[in-house]
Structure formats: C-alpha cells, structure tokens
C-alpha cells in the first residue's frame, strides 16, 4: 500500500530549527526523485526541495542555504533539516514524489514559525 507519513513539525521561534521526517512505503522509495512540498494557508502547494536516489539535492530559492534534504534508502525515510526558520516558512509540509509519479498525499506536518 502506498503511504506517506510526515512528522517533526511544531512551533518554533524565528531563527530556530526543526527536522522533518517522512516515512514512505518501499514503492515510493523505489522512485528516483523525491521531494518536500509546503502549503501555507490560502496558497497553493509549492515545491521546497528535491533529491535523487544518488543524493543530488535541489532547493527553492526561498530556502536555499537554510534547508537540507536527505534520504535514507535503507529505512525508506526522507528528511528535511530546516535551520534559521522565518515566519514565512509557516506551512503544512508534505513529502511525495514529483510530477507523473505523485502518490496520494499524506496528512502533512504543521510548521509554525513565530516572529
């Protein structure tokens, strides 16, 4: 069964850090390109970072230098280390594949950054 379970969100002050985790089924982890997305209230879901099975990352300009995406293929887990958080990072964060490989969305994990 295809499943995505995000965790690790919370409330943090600006400048703080959080580490998000995503537990995914083996079916998803067999996909080359995985990603973190986020959706702020009233806005569309945006791509935050991607990573290939060879551990090549790419980041949205808004998070470059602050966020780090990683994956543990042995444990079928995807991570997002978020440092120097800003209030504009407040959103629900989701993990998934990309494009035509998108799977049903998980429940996401809420990240709230206070100023």
Protein backbone atom coordinates (compact mmCIF):
# COMPACT_ATOMS: atom_id res chain seq x y z
CA UNK A 1 0.00 0.00 0.00
CA UNK A 2 1.33 3.42 -0.95
CA UNK A 3 1.69 5.53 2.15
CA UNK A 4 3.36 8.75 3.22
CA UNK A 5 3.60 9.79 6.87
CA UNK A 6 5.19 13.11 7.76
CA UNK A 7 6.28 14.11 11.26
CA UNK A 8 8.53 16.50 13.15
CA UNK A 9 6.66 19.77 12.76
CA UNK A 10 5.91 22.15 15.57
CA UNK A 11 6.02 25.70 16.84
CA UNK A 12 9.39 27.41 16.81
CA UNK A 13 10.67 30.96 17.10
CA UNK A 14 12.25 32.72 14.16
CA UNK A 15 15.86 31.64 13.82
CA UNK A 16 15.15 28.21 15.23
CA UNK A 17 15.44 24.77 13.68
CA UNK A 18 13.28 21.74 13.02
CA UNK A 19 13.90 18.38 11.40
CA UNK A 20 11.05 16.85 9.46
CA UNK A 21 10.81 13.15 8.73
CA UNK A 22 8.82 11.24 6.14
CA UNK A 23 8.20 7.52 6.35
CA UNK A 24 7.32 6.14 2.95
CA UNK A 25 6.45 2.76 1.55
CA UNK A 26 9.04 0.86 -0.43
CA UNK A 27 7.05 1.55 -3.59
CA UNK A 28 7.69 5.26 -3.20
CA UNK A 29 11.34 4.89 -2.26
CA UNK A 30 11.99 2.99 -5.45
CA UNK A 31 11.26 6.28 -7.25
CA UNK A 32 14.35 8.25 -8.22
CA UNK A 33 13.18 11.76 -7.41
CA UNK A 34 11.54 12.55 -4.06
CA UNK A 35 10.55 15.91 -2.68
CA UNK A 36 9.31 18.07 0.14
CA UNK A 37 6.45 20.47 -0.51
CA UNK A 38 4.69 23.05 1.63
CA UNK A 39 1.34 24.76 1.62
CA UNK A 40 0.67 27.95 3.51
CA UNK A 41 -2.91 28.95 4.38
CA UNK A 42 -4.76 30.20 1.33
CA UNK A 43 -1.87 29.43 -1.00
CA UNK A 44 -1.01 26.68 -3.44
CA UNK A 45 1.26 23.79 -2.58
CA UNK A 46 4.84 24.65 -3.54
CA UNK A 47 7.91 22.53 -4.13
CA UNK A 48 10.57 23.15 -1.47
CA UNK A 49 13.33 20.66 -2.25
CA UNK A 50 14.02 17.54 -4.28
CA UNK A 51 16.57 14.77 -4.01
CA UNK A 52 17.55 11.99 -6.39
CA UNK A 53 18.39 8.42 -5.44
CA UNK A 54 22.02 9.45 -5.93
CA UNK A 55 21.54 12.11 -3.22
CA UNK A 56 21.64 15.10 -5.54
CA UNK A 57 19.55 17.88 -3.97
CA UNK A 58 17.86 20.96 -5.40
CA UNK A 59 16.18 23.75 -3.47
CA UNK A 60 13.70 26.51 -4.00
CA UNK A 61 15.42 29.89 -3.87
CA UNK A 62 13.50 30.84 -0.75
CA UNK A 63 15.06 28.03 1.32
CA UNK A 64 18.47 27.67 -0.28
CA UNK A 65 21.24 27.78 2.33
CA UNK A 66 18.81 27.16 5.19
CA UNK A 67 17.17 23.79 4.42
CA UNK A 68 18.83 20.45 3.75
CA UNK A 69 17.04 17.49 2.20
CA UNK A 70 18.33 13.95 2.71
CA UNK A 71 17.14 10.39 2.29
CA UNK A 72 17.83 7.03 3.93
CA UNK A 73 17.04 4.44 1.30
CA UNK A 74 17.66 1.54 3.69
CA UNK A 75 14.96 2.85 6.06
CA UNK A 76 12.65 4.33 3.40
CA UNK A 77 12.85 7.72 5.07
CA UNK A 78 13.11 11.25 3.75
CA UNK A 79 14.27 14.17 5.90
CA UNK A 80 14.23 17.94 5.80
CA UNK A 81 16.55 19.81 8.15
CA UNK A 82 15.32 23.38 8.47
CA UNK A 83 17.58 26.00 10.02
CA UNK A 84 17.23 29.74 10.52
CA UNK A 85 13.48 29.44 10.16
CA UNK A 86 11.46 32.50 9.22
CA UNK A 87 7.78 33.33 9.76
CA UNK A 88 7.22 32.93 6.02
CA UNK A 89 8.22 29.26 6.36
CA UNK A 90 4.97 28.66 8.25
CA UNK A 91 3.04 26.00 6.34
CA UNK A 92 1.99 22.37 6.28
CA UNK A 93 4.88 20.34 4.91
CA UNK A 94 4.41 17.23 2.78
CA UNK A 95 6.67 14.65 1.19
CA UNK A 96 5.96 12.94 -2.12
CA UNK A 97 7.38 12.04 -5.47
CA UNK A 98 7.37 14.53 -8.36
CA UNK A 99 5.28 15.05 -11.46
CA UNK A 100 3.72 11.93 -13.00
CA UNK A 101 4.99 9.84 -10.07
CA UNK A 102 2.95 11.74 -7.47
CA UNK A 103 1.20 9.49 -4.98
CA UNK A 104 -1.79 10.16 -2.67
CA UNK A 105 -0.82 12.89 -0.23
CA UNK A 106 -0.21 12.19 3.43
CA UNK A 107 -1.60 14.32 6.23
CA UNK A 108 1.43 16.58 6.31
CA UNK A 109 3.09 18.12 9.35
CA UNK A 110 2.44 21.68 10.53
CA UNK A 111 5.37 24.05 10.93
CA UNK A 112 4.65 27.36 12.62
CA UNK A 113 7.37 29.98 12.99
CA UNK A 114 6.68 32.87 15.33
CA UNK A 115 8.35 36.24 14.95
